[in-house]
N, C-alpha and C. Protein backbone atom coordinates (compact mmCIF):
# COMPACT_ATOMS: atom_id res chain seq x y z
N MET A 1 -37.35 24.28 3.34
CA MET A 1 -36.29 24.97 4.03
C MET A 1 -36.16 24.47 5.46
N TYR A 2 -37.33 24.31 6.13
CA TYR A 2 -37.30 23.87 7.52
C TYR A 2 -36.85 22.42 7.64
N LYS A 3 -37.13 21.62 6.62
CA LYS A 3 -36.69 20.23 6.63
C LYS A 3 -35.17 20.14 6.59
N ILE A 4 -34.57 20.96 5.75
CA ILE A 4 -33.11 20.97 5.63
C ILE A 4 -32.49 21.47 6.93
N LEU A 5 -33.04 22.53 7.49
CA LEU A 5 -32.54 23.07 8.75
C LEU A 5 -32.68 22.05 9.88
N GLY A 6 -33.80 21.34 9.90
CA GLY A 6 -34.01 20.30 10.91
C GLY A 6 -33.03 19.15 10.74
N PHE A 7 -32.77 18.78 9.50
CA PHE A 7 -31.80 17.71 9.24
C PHE A 7 -30.40 18.11 9.67
N VAL A 8 -29.97 19.31 9.33
CA VAL A 8 -28.65 19.81 9.70
C VAL A 8 -28.52 19.88 11.22
N ALA A 9 -29.54 20.38 11.91
CA ALA A 9 -29.50 20.46 13.37
C ALA A 9 -29.42 19.07 13.98
N GLY A 10 -30.16 18.12 13.45
CA GLY A 10 -30.12 16.75 13.94
C GLY A 10 -28.77 16.10 13.71
N ALA A 11 -28.19 16.36 12.54
CA ALA A 11 -26.87 15.81 12.23
C ALA A 11 -25.81 16.39 13.17
N MET A 12 -25.89 17.67 13.43
CA MET A 12 -24.93 18.32 14.35
C MET A 12 -25.08 17.75 15.76
N CYS A 13 -26.31 17.62 16.23
CA CYS A 13 -26.54 17.06 17.57
C CYS A 13 -26.03 15.62 17.64
N GLY A 14 -26.27 14.85 16.60
CA GLY A 14 -25.79 13.47 16.56
C GLY A 14 -24.28 13.40 16.57
N ALA A 15 -23.64 14.30 15.86
CA ALA A 15 -22.18 14.32 15.84
C ALA A 15 -21.62 14.66 17.21
N VAL A 16 -22.22 15.64 17.88
CA VAL A 16 -21.76 16.04 19.21
C VAL A 16 -21.96 14.90 20.21
N VAL A 17 -23.12 14.27 20.19
CA VAL A 17 -23.39 13.16 21.10
C VAL A 17 -22.46 11.98 20.80
N GLY A 18 -22.24 11.69 19.54
CA GLY A 18 -21.33 10.61 19.17
C GLY A 18 -19.91 10.87 19.60
N ALA A 19 -19.43 12.08 19.43
CA ALA A 19 -18.08 12.43 19.84
C ALA A 19 -17.94 12.35 21.36
N ALA A 20 -18.93 12.84 22.08
CA ALA A 20 -18.88 12.77 23.54
C ALA A 20 -18.91 11.33 24.03
N ALA A 21 -19.74 10.49 23.43
CA ALA A 21 -19.80 9.09 23.81
C ALA A 21 -18.49 8.39 23.53
N THR A 22 -17.88 8.70 22.42
CA THR A 22 -16.59 8.10 22.08
C THR A 22 -15.53 8.48 23.10
N LEU A 23 -15.48 9.74 23.46
CA LEU A 23 -14.48 10.19 24.43
C LEU A 23 -14.72 9.57 25.80
N LEU A 24 -15.96 9.42 26.20
CA LEU A 24 -16.26 8.89 27.52
C LEU A 24 -16.11 7.37 27.60
N LEU A 25 -16.36 6.68 26.50
CA LEU A 25 -16.36 5.21 26.53
C LEU A 25 -15.07 4.57 26.02
N THR A 26 -14.14 5.35 25.54
CA THR A 26 -12.88 4.81 25.05
C THR A 26 -12.08 4.30 26.24
N PRO A 27 -11.64 3.02 26.21
CA PRO A 27 -10.97 2.43 27.36
C PRO A 27 -9.51 2.85 27.52
N ALA A 28 -8.93 3.54 26.55
CA ALA A 28 -7.52 3.90 26.63
C ALA A 28 -7.31 5.29 26.06
N SER A 29 -6.13 5.83 26.32
CA SER A 29 -5.81 7.16 25.80
C SER A 29 -5.55 7.09 24.31
N GLY A 30 -5.52 8.23 23.68
CA GLY A 30 -5.27 8.29 22.24
C GLY A 30 -3.93 7.73 21.85
N ASP A 31 -2.89 8.07 22.63
CA ASP A 31 -1.55 7.55 22.33
C ASP A 31 -1.51 6.03 22.44
N GLU A 32 -2.17 5.50 23.47
CA GLU A 32 -2.18 4.06 23.65
C GLU A 32 -2.92 3.37 22.51
N LEU A 33 -4.03 3.94 22.09
CA LEU A 33 -4.78 3.37 20.97
C LEU A 33 -3.97 3.41 19.68
N ARG A 34 -3.27 4.52 19.44
CA ARG A 34 -2.43 4.61 18.24
C ARG A 34 -1.32 3.58 18.29
N ASN A 35 -0.69 3.42 19.46
CA ASN A 35 0.38 2.44 19.59
C ASN A 35 -0.14 1.03 19.35
N ARG A 36 -1.32 0.72 19.88
CA ARG A 36 -1.92 -0.60 19.64
C ARG A 36 -2.18 -0.81 18.16
N ALA A 37 -2.72 0.21 17.51
CA ALA A 37 -3.04 0.09 16.08
C ALA A 37 -1.76 -0.12 15.26
N VAL A 38 -0.71 0.63 15.58
CA VAL A 38 0.56 0.48 14.86
C VAL A 38 1.14 -0.91 15.09
N ASN A 39 1.12 -1.37 16.34
CA ASN A 39 1.65 -2.71 16.64
C ASN A 39 0.85 -3.79 15.92
N HIS A 40 -0.47 -3.64 15.91
CA HIS A 40 -1.31 -4.61 15.23
C HIS A 40 -0.99 -4.62 13.73
N TRP A 41 -0.84 -3.46 13.14
CA TRP A 41 -0.52 -3.36 11.72
C TRP A 41 0.82 -4.00 11.42
N GLU A 42 1.82 -3.72 12.25
CA GLU A 42 3.16 -4.29 12.03
C GLU A 42 3.14 -5.81 12.16
N ASN A 43 2.40 -6.33 13.15
CA ASN A 43 2.31 -7.79 13.31
C ASN A 43 1.60 -8.42 12.11
N THR A 44 0.53 -7.80 11.65
CA THR A 44 -0.20 -8.31 10.50
C THR A 44 0.68 -8.30 9.26
N LEU A 45 1.42 -7.23 9.06
CA LEU A 45 2.31 -7.11 7.91
C LEU A 45 3.42 -8.17 7.98
N SER A 46 3.97 -8.38 9.15
CA SER A 46 5.01 -9.40 9.33
C SER A 46 4.47 -10.80 9.01
N GLU A 47 3.29 -11.11 9.52
CA GLU A 47 2.68 -12.41 9.25
C GLU A 47 2.41 -12.59 7.76
N ALA A 48 1.96 -11.54 7.10
CA ALA A 48 1.69 -11.61 5.67
C ALA A 48 2.99 -11.85 4.89
N ARG A 49 4.06 -11.19 5.28
CA ARG A 49 5.35 -11.39 4.61
C ARG A 49 5.86 -12.81 4.82
N GLN A 50 5.68 -13.36 6.02
CA GLN A 50 6.09 -14.73 6.28
C GLN A 50 5.28 -15.71 5.44
N ALA A 51 3.97 -15.49 5.36
CA ALA A 51 3.11 -16.35 4.55
C ALA A 51 3.50 -16.25 3.08
N GLN A 52 3.83 -15.06 2.62
CA GLN A 52 4.24 -14.86 1.23
C GLN A 52 5.54 -15.61 0.95
N ALA A 53 6.49 -15.54 1.87
CA ALA A 53 7.77 -16.23 1.68
C ALA A 53 7.57 -17.74 1.66
N GLU A 54 6.73 -18.23 2.54
CA GLU A 54 6.46 -19.67 2.59
C GLU A 54 5.77 -20.13 1.31
N SER A 55 4.81 -19.37 0.83
CA SER A 55 4.13 -19.70 -0.42
C SER A 55 5.10 -19.68 -1.59
N ARG A 56 5.98 -18.72 -1.59
CA ARG A 56 6.97 -18.62 -2.67
C ARG A 56 7.86 -19.85 -2.70
N ARG A 57 8.34 -20.27 -1.49
CA ARG A 57 9.19 -21.46 -1.42
C ARG A 57 8.44 -22.70 -1.93
N THR A 58 7.19 -22.83 -1.52
CA THR A 58 6.39 -23.97 -1.95
C THR A 58 6.21 -23.97 -3.46
N LEU A 59 5.89 -22.81 -4.02
CA LEU A 59 5.68 -22.73 -5.47
C LEU A 59 6.98 -22.95 -6.25
N GLU A 60 8.09 -22.46 -5.73
CA GLU A 60 9.37 -22.69 -6.39
C GLU A 60 9.72 -24.17 -6.39
N ASN A 61 9.46 -24.84 -5.28
CA ASN A 61 9.71 -26.28 -5.22
C ASN A 61 8.82 -27.04 -6.21
N ARG A 62 7.57 -26.66 -6.30
CA ARG A 62 6.67 -27.30 -7.26
C ARG A 62 7.13 -27.05 -8.68
N PHE A 63 7.57 -25.83 -8.95
CA PHE A 63 8.06 -25.50 -10.29
C PHE A 63 9.27 -26.34 -10.65
N GLU A 64 10.21 -26.45 -9.73
CA GLU A 64 11.42 -27.25 -9.98
C GLU A 64 11.05 -28.71 -10.21
N THR A 65 10.09 -29.21 -9.45
CA THR A 65 9.65 -30.60 -9.61
C THR A 65 9.04 -30.80 -11.00
N MET A 66 8.20 -29.87 -11.42
CA MET A 66 7.58 -29.99 -12.74
C MET A 66 8.60 -29.78 -13.84
N ARG A 67 9.51 -28.88 -13.64
CA ARG A 67 10.49 -28.53 -14.67
C ARG A 67 11.43 -29.70 -14.97
N TYR A 68 11.91 -30.35 -13.92
CA TYR A 68 12.89 -31.41 -14.10
C TYR A 68 12.27 -32.79 -13.97
N GLY A 69 10.98 -32.86 -13.73
CA GLY A 69 10.30 -34.15 -13.64
C GLY A 69 10.70 -34.99 -12.45
N ARG A 70 11.15 -34.34 -11.38
CA ARG A 70 11.53 -35.08 -10.18
C ARG A 70 10.32 -35.22 -9.26
N ASP A 71 10.35 -36.24 -8.44
CA ASP A 71 9.30 -36.43 -7.45
C ASP A 71 9.87 -36.27 -6.06
């Protein structure tokens, strides 16, 4: 029983210390961090879509070359 109580108390203390450290060491406000995360996600998604479109064009060209036997 005391082991479980000790574990729970340690976990709670760790959570409180971790939350306090996060709040004190975060270099930007919450809104700024959210905006950065959203911008990063949108840029990554845009780059992925561009890469997908480029790959599609390349594969379509290869398919047409194989289909009609052109070089």
